[in-house]
Amino acid sequence: MQMVLIIFAINIVYVTFFTVRMILTLKGYRYVAAVVSMVEVVIYVVGLGLVLDSLDQIQNLVAYALGYGCGVIIGTKIEEKMALGYVTVNVITADESQKLPNVLRSKGYGVTDWSANGLDGNRSAMQILTPRKYELNLYSLIQEVDPKAFIIAYEAKTIHGGFWVKNVKKGKLFK
């Protein structure tokens, strides 16, 4: 029973490191990902070695599989807490009064807005850039000002120019 728990725990740790490393790699943190991968591979070799030494013990294989699944869940939860990167949020609202863009700008968000046309008439469209760690706050603020706003978000891969880059480098956003 002790071996089953050890294999389970080792695989949770391994897959958590694996998941975080993959996300770091995708987000461009290659050096941090390289360090994480060194720890990951040591844990992997130890865990796999324990399972391969006793392939006739089905409970060890089950513990390995369960640990793998739990590691994926824990790794993604950790990544959610890390909230690396930025998102671009597109908002379309029927309110053309500039209330929403002004509220968002006053809170530190980078907002570009323009007039748009929709099926039912004129609209106001906005593009907002925010660090992922503030994404949920942004959605709440938009819903507070305009509960009927249409929102689409996607990951921003490259950011260059504008007040945003200067303020991010100076650490001045959202303070």
Protein backbone atom coordinates (compact mmCIF):
# COMPACT_ATOMS: atom_id res chain seq x y z
CA MET A 1 0.00 0.00 0.00
CA GLN A 2 2.87 2.37 0.76
CA MET A 3 4.32 1.84 -2.74
CA VAL A 4 0.93 2.67 -4.31
CA LEU A 5 0.79 5.98 -2.42
CA ILE A 6 4.38 6.83 -3.34
CA ILE A 7 3.74 6.14 -7.04
CA PHE A 8 0.51 8.13 -6.92
CA ALA A 9 2.21 11.12 -5.26
CA ILE A 10 5.24 11.02 -7.53
CA ASN A 11 3.08 11.03 -10.63
CA ILE A 12 0.95 13.92 -9.35
CA VAL A 13 4.13 15.95 -8.84
CA TYR A 14 5.60 14.88 -12.19
CA VAL A 15 2.52 15.71 -14.26
CA THR A 16 2.00 18.98 -12.40
CA PHE A 17 5.56 19.99 -13.35
CA PHE A 18 4.95 18.72 -16.90
CA THR A 19 1.78 20.77 -17.28
CA VAL A 20 3.32 23.94 -15.88
CA ARG A 21 6.43 23.46 -18.05
CA MET A 22 4.32 23.09 -21.20
CA ILE A 23 2.40 26.26 -20.41
CA LEU A 24 5.59 28.16 -19.62
CA THR A 25 7.01 27.02 -22.96
CA LEU A 26 3.91 28.10 -24.86
CA LYS A 27 3.96 31.50 -23.12
CA GLY A 28 7.59 32.09 -24.08
CA TYR A 29 9.26 31.52 -20.68
CA ARG A 30 11.79 29.10 -22.17
CA TYR A 31 14.52 29.42 -19.52
CA VAL A 32 12.14 28.93 -16.61
CA ALA A 33 10.60 26.01 -18.53
CA ALA A 34 14.06 24.48 -18.96
CA VAL A 35 14.71 24.58 -15.21
CA VAL A 36 11.27 23.10 -14.49
CA SER A 37 11.92 20.34 -17.05
CA MET A 38 15.12 19.28 -15.27
CA VAL A 39 13.18 18.69 -12.06
CA GLU A 40 10.35 17.10 -14.02
CA VAL A 41 12.54 14.50 -15.72
CA VAL A 42 14.13 13.37 -12.45
CA ILE A 43 10.70 12.87 -10.89
CA TYR A 44 9.50 11.07 -14.03
CA VAL A 45 12.41 8.62 -14.08
CA VAL A 46 11.97 7.76 -10.40
CA GLY A 47 8.20 7.25 -10.73
CA LEU A 48 8.39 5.23 -13.92
CA GLY A 49 11.19 3.13 -12.46
CA LEU A 50 9.02 2.20 -9.49
CA VAL A 51 6.18 1.12 -11.79
CA LEU A 52 8.41 -0.80 -14.19
CA ASP A 53 10.06 -2.65 -11.32
CA SER A 54 6.70 -4.16 -10.43
CA LEU A 55 4.59 -4.42 -13.55
CA ASP A 56 2.88 -7.47 -12.10
CA GLN A 57 1.27 -5.24 -9.43
CA ILE A 58 -1.81 -3.78 -11.13
CA GLN A 59 -2.43 -1.38 -8.24
CA ASN A 60 0.86 0.39 -9.01
CA LEU A 61 -0.22 0.93 -12.61
CA VAL A 62 -3.61 2.22 -11.45
CA ALA A 63 -1.89 4.58 -8.98
CA TYR A 64 0.35 5.81 -11.81
CA ALA A 65 -2.68 6.51 -14.04
CA LEU A 66 -4.68 8.19 -11.27
CA GLY A 67 -1.68 10.31 -10.30
CA TYR A 68 -1.32 11.37 -13.93
CA GLY A 69 -4.93 12.54 -14.11
CA CYS A 70 -4.73 14.38 -10.80
CA GLY A 71 -1.46 16.01 -11.89
CA VAL A 72 -3.12 17.46 -15.00
CA ILE A 73 -5.87 19.01 -12.87
CA ILE A 74 -3.44 20.41 -10.31
CA GLY A 75 -1.08 21.71 -13.01
CA THR A 76 -3.87 23.60 -14.78
CA LYS A 77 -5.08 25.04 -11.46
CA ILE A 78 -1.55 26.30 -10.75
CA GLU A 79 -1.38 27.85 -14.23
CA GLU A 80 -4.70 29.60 -13.64
CA LYS A 81 -3.27 31.12 -10.47
CA MET A 82 -0.07 32.15 -12.29
CA ALA A 83 -2.20 33.81 -15.00
CA LEU A 84 0.71 34.46 -17.35
CA GLY A 85 0.36 36.65 -20.41
CA TYR A 86 -2.25 39.02 -21.73
CA VAL A 87 -5.70 38.81 -23.26
CA THR A 88 -7.38 41.01 -25.79
CA VAL A 89 -11.06 41.48 -25.11
CA ASN A 90 -13.43 42.70 -27.80
CA VAL A 91 -16.65 44.25 -26.52
CA ILE A 92 -19.67 45.34 -28.53
CA THR A 93 -22.35 47.41 -26.83
CA ALA A 94 -25.52 49.19 -27.93
CA ASP A 95 -24.59 52.09 -25.61
CA GLU A 96 -22.78 54.68 -27.73
CA SER A 97 -22.35 57.15 -24.87
CA GLN A 98 -18.64 56.44 -24.20
CA LYS A 99 -19.51 55.53 -20.60
CA LEU A 100 -17.95 52.05 -20.76
CA PRO A 101 -14.68 53.08 -22.47
CA ASN A 102 -14.26 55.96 -20.01
CA VAL A 103 -14.88 53.75 -16.96
CA LEU A 104 -12.41 51.15 -18.25
CA ARG A 105 -9.74 53.76 -18.99
CA SER A 106 -10.16 55.27 -15.53
CA LYS A 107 -9.40 51.81 -14.08
CA GLY A 108 -6.15 51.54 -16.09
CA TYR A 109 -7.23 49.37 -19.00
CA GLY A 110 -5.97 50.11 -22.50
CA VAL A 111 -9.10 50.71 -24.59
CA THR A 112 -9.47 51.49 -28.26
CA ASP A 113 -13.05 52.18 -29.28
CA TRP A 114 -14.88 52.92 -32.51
CA SER A 115 -18.38 53.15 -33.96
CA ALA A 116 -19.77 49.99 -35.48
CA ASN A 117 -22.94 48.81 -37.17
CA GLY A 118 -24.89 45.79 -36.03
CA LEU A 119 -28.04 44.01 -37.18
CA ASP A 120 -30.20 46.26 -35.00
CA GLY A 121 -28.37 49.56 -35.56
CA ASN A 122 -25.36 51.51 -34.34
CA ARG A 123 -23.02 50.00 -31.79
CA SER A 124 -19.87 50.92 -29.95
CA ALA A 125 -17.01 48.45 -30.33
CA MET A 126 -13.97 48.27 -28.08
CA GLN A 127 -10.72 46.40 -27.95
CA ILE A 128 -9.20 46.10 -24.48
CA LEU A 129 -5.82 44.68 -23.52
CA THR A 130 -5.29 43.34 -20.00
CA PRO A 131 -2.96 41.04 -18.10
CA ARG A 132 -4.65 37.67 -17.57
CA LYS A 133 -4.60 38.16 -13.82
CA TYR A 134 -7.07 41.06 -14.27
CA GLU A 135 -9.25 39.35 -16.87
CA LEU A 136 -12.07 38.34 -14.53
CA ASN A 137 -12.10 41.80 -12.95
CA LEU A 138 -12.48 43.27 -16.42
CA TYR A 139 -15.46 41.03 -17.22
CA SER A 140 -17.12 41.98 -13.93
CA LEU A 141 -16.60 45.67 -14.60
CA ILE A 142 -18.01 45.40 -18.14
CA GLN A 143 -21.06 43.47 -16.87
CA GLU A 144 -21.57 46.06 -14.12
CA VAL A 145 -21.68 48.95 -16.61
CA ASP A 146 -23.46 47.08 -19.43
CA PRO A 147 -24.95 43.66 -18.60
CA LYS A 148 -25.94 43.17 -22.26
CA ALA A 149 -22.46 43.74 -23.68
CA PHE A 150 -21.19 41.12 -26.14
CA ILE A 151 -17.69 39.96 -25.11
CA ILE A 152 -15.07 37.89 -26.96
CA ALA A 153 -11.58 37.30 -25.58
CA TYR A 154 -8.42 35.80 -27.02
CA GLU A 155 -4.77 35.54 -26.05
CA ALA A 156 -2.50 38.37 -27.15
CA LYS A 157 0.76 36.91 -28.50
CA THR A 158 2.65 40.05 -29.48
CA ILE A 159 2.38 43.53 -27.99
CA HIS A 160 4.30 46.47 -29.41
CA GLY A 161 3.88 50.22 -29.08
CA GLY A 162 1.28 52.45 -27.46
CA PHE A 163 0.99 53.64 -23.90
CA TRP A 164 0.42 50.06 -22.77
CA VAL A 165 3.97 48.79 -23.34
CA LYS A 166 5.53 51.83 -21.68
CA ASN A 167 3.33 51.53 -18.60
CA VAL A 168 3.83 47.77 -18.29
CA LYS A 169 7.61 48.25 -18.33
CA LYS A 170 7.31 50.99 -15.67
CA GLY A 171 4.97 48.84 -13.55
CA LYS A 172 2.31 51.57 -13.54
CA LEU A 173 -0.82 49.67 -14.56
CA PHE A 174 -3.66 48.99 -12.11
CA LYS A 175 -2.07 50.70 -9.11
